[in-house]
Amino acid sequence: MTTPIEQGAEGPEVVGVQVALTALGVFSGEASGTFDQATADAVTQFQAGVGLEATGVVDPDTLSALGGRPFQPEERTQLPVDEFPSFSRVVNSGGDADAYLGSLGIDSSDLSDDNDNV
């Protein structure tokens, strides 16, 4: 990734980021492919939760922490959605949510809000 993905960006790269953030429980919007304020807020929350500078911009460190790599049109013919396992699918299939988040380097306690409504 040479250019950060930030508010106003559109395309399959944004869909991949939105899907990853949804799987992590920090984004509840539609994976529309438009990097809007809700996406920026979710990126900021994710960054703060994993100890990165909370800028709301997907830079190489943030992308790496999300476990992804940038979409390369010449390499793929489909959106990279299948690369991001659904958090709900992991939990609903009897998986351990904390273990899943731990495998991504995320402490689930860092994702709770002030009201503990996770």
Protein backbone atom coordinates (compact mmCIF):
# COMPACT_ATOMS: atom_id res chain seq x y z
CA MET A 1 0.00 0.00 0.00
CA THR A 2 1.55 3.27 -1.06
CA THR A 3 -1.32 5.64 -0.31
CA PRO A 4 -3.16 5.67 3.02
CA ILE A 5 -6.85 4.84 2.89
CA GLU A 6 -8.75 7.73 4.43
CA GLN A 7 -12.07 9.51 4.57
CA GLY A 8 -13.41 10.12 1.07
CA ALA A 9 -11.72 7.05 -0.44
CA GLU A 10 -13.89 4.60 -2.35
CA GLY A 11 -13.38 1.14 -3.74
CA PRO A 12 -12.64 -2.48 -2.94
CA GLU A 13 -9.83 -1.55 -0.54
CA VAL A 14 -12.38 0.24 1.62
CA VAL A 15 -14.75 -2.75 1.49
CA GLY A 16 -11.93 -4.96 2.78
CA VAL A 17 -11.24 -2.57 5.66
CA GLN A 18 -14.95 -2.30 6.51
CA VAL A 19 -15.40 -6.07 6.50
CA ALA A 20 -12.36 -6.54 8.75
CA LEU A 21 -13.61 -3.88 11.17
CA THR A 22 -17.05 -5.49 11.19
CA ALA A 23 -15.52 -8.89 12.00
CA LEU A 24 -13.72 -7.25 14.92
CA GLY A 25 -16.92 -5.69 16.22
CA VAL A 26 -15.87 -2.06 15.85
CA PHE A 27 -17.87 -1.22 12.71
CA SER A 28 -21.59 -1.83 12.35
CA GLY A 29 -22.25 0.01 9.12
CA GLU A 30 -22.67 -1.39 5.64
CA ALA A 31 -19.52 -2.44 3.80
CA SER A 32 -20.33 0.06 1.07
CA GLY A 33 -16.83 0.75 -0.19
CA THR A 34 -17.09 4.42 0.82
CA PHE A 35 -14.76 5.56 3.60
CA ASP A 36 -17.16 7.74 5.58
CA GLN A 37 -17.10 9.19 9.10
CA ALA A 38 -18.41 5.94 10.62
CA THR A 39 -15.53 4.05 8.99
CA ALA A 40 -13.00 6.63 10.23
CA ASP A 41 -14.44 6.35 13.75
CA ALA A 42 -14.16 2.55 13.65
CA VAL A 43 -10.57 2.76 12.40
CA THR A 44 -9.74 5.18 15.22
CA GLN A 45 -11.30 2.83 17.80
CA PHE A 46 -9.41 -0.15 16.36
CA GLN A 47 -6.11 1.75 16.30
CA ALA A 48 -6.50 2.84 19.92
CA GLY A 49 -7.39 -0.72 20.91
CA VAL A 50 -4.22 -2.19 19.43
CA GLY A 51 -1.86 0.55 20.55
CA LEU A 52 -1.43 2.40 17.26
CA GLU A 53 -1.67 6.15 16.84
CA ALA A 54 -5.42 6.77 16.57
CA THR A 55 -5.64 8.82 13.36
CA GLY A 56 -8.65 7.27 11.65
CA VAL A 57 -6.49 6.72 8.56
CA VAL A 58 -5.54 3.23 7.39
CA ASP A 59 -1.78 3.41 7.02
CA PRO A 60 0.51 0.39 6.48
CA ASP A 61 0.76 -0.32 10.24
CA THR A 62 -3.03 -0.28 10.61
CA LEU A 63 -3.52 -2.50 7.58
CA SER A 64 -0.97 -4.93 8.97
CA ALA A 65 -2.73 -4.96 12.36
CA LEU A 66 -5.99 -5.72 10.55
CA GLY A 67 -4.26 -8.77 9.09
CA GLY A 68 -4.74 -7.64 5.54
CA ARG A 69 -2.84 -6.41 2.60
CA PRO A 70 -3.95 -3.93 -0.01
CA PHE A 71 -6.25 -4.98 -2.80
CA GLN A 72 -4.30 -5.52 -5.98
CA PRO A 73 -6.62 -5.51 -9.02
CA GLU A 74 -4.09 -7.33 -11.16
CA GLU A 75 -3.96 -10.17 -8.60
CA ARG A 76 -7.66 -10.65 -7.89
CA THR A 77 -10.93 -10.85 -9.69
CA GLN A 78 -13.15 -10.70 -6.58
CA LEU A 79 -13.34 -8.47 -3.56
CA PRO A 80 -11.10 -9.68 -0.71
CA VAL A 81 -14.10 -10.18 1.60
CA ASP A 82 -13.47 -13.92 2.00
CA GLU A 83 -10.07 -13.19 3.60
CA PHE A 84 -11.71 -11.76 6.71
CA PRO A 85 -13.47 -14.41 8.79
CA SER A 86 -16.76 -13.32 10.24
CA PHE A 87 -16.43 -12.72 13.97
CA SER A 88 -20.04 -13.82 14.47
CA ARG A 89 -19.37 -16.98 12.45
CA VAL A 90 -16.45 -17.83 14.74
CA VAL A 91 -18.51 -17.26 17.88
CA ASN A 92 -21.71 -18.90 16.59
CA SER A 93 -19.83 -22.03 15.57
CA GLY A 94 -18.64 -22.52 19.13
CA GLY A 95 -15.39 -20.66 18.66
CA ASP A 96 -13.77 -18.71 21.45
CA ALA A 97 -14.15 -14.99 20.72
CA ASP A 98 -11.28 -14.01 23.01
CA ALA A 99 -8.98 -16.56 21.37
CA TYR A 100 -9.99 -15.33 17.91
CA LEU A 101 -9.29 -11.72 18.83
CA GLY A 102 -6.06 -12.78 20.54
CA SER A 103 -4.92 -14.44 17.33
CA LEU A 104 -5.28 -11.02 15.71
CA GLY A 105 -3.25 -9.41 18.49
CA ILE A 106 -6.28 -7.74 20.05
CA ASP A 107 -7.18 -7.83 23.73
CA SER A 108 -10.99 -7.99 23.77
CA SER A 109 -11.09 -5.90 26.94
CA ASP A 110 -9.62 -3.03 24.90
CA LEU A 111 -12.69 -3.05 22.64
CA SER A 112 -15.29 -2.40 25.32
CA ASP A 113 -16.74 1.06 25.73
CA ASP A 114 -17.14 3.02 28.95
CA ASN A 115 -20.52 1.37 29.57
CA ASP A 116 -19.21 -2.16 28.93
CA ASN A 117 -21.83 -2.61 26.19
CA VAL A 118 -19.85 -4.89 23.94
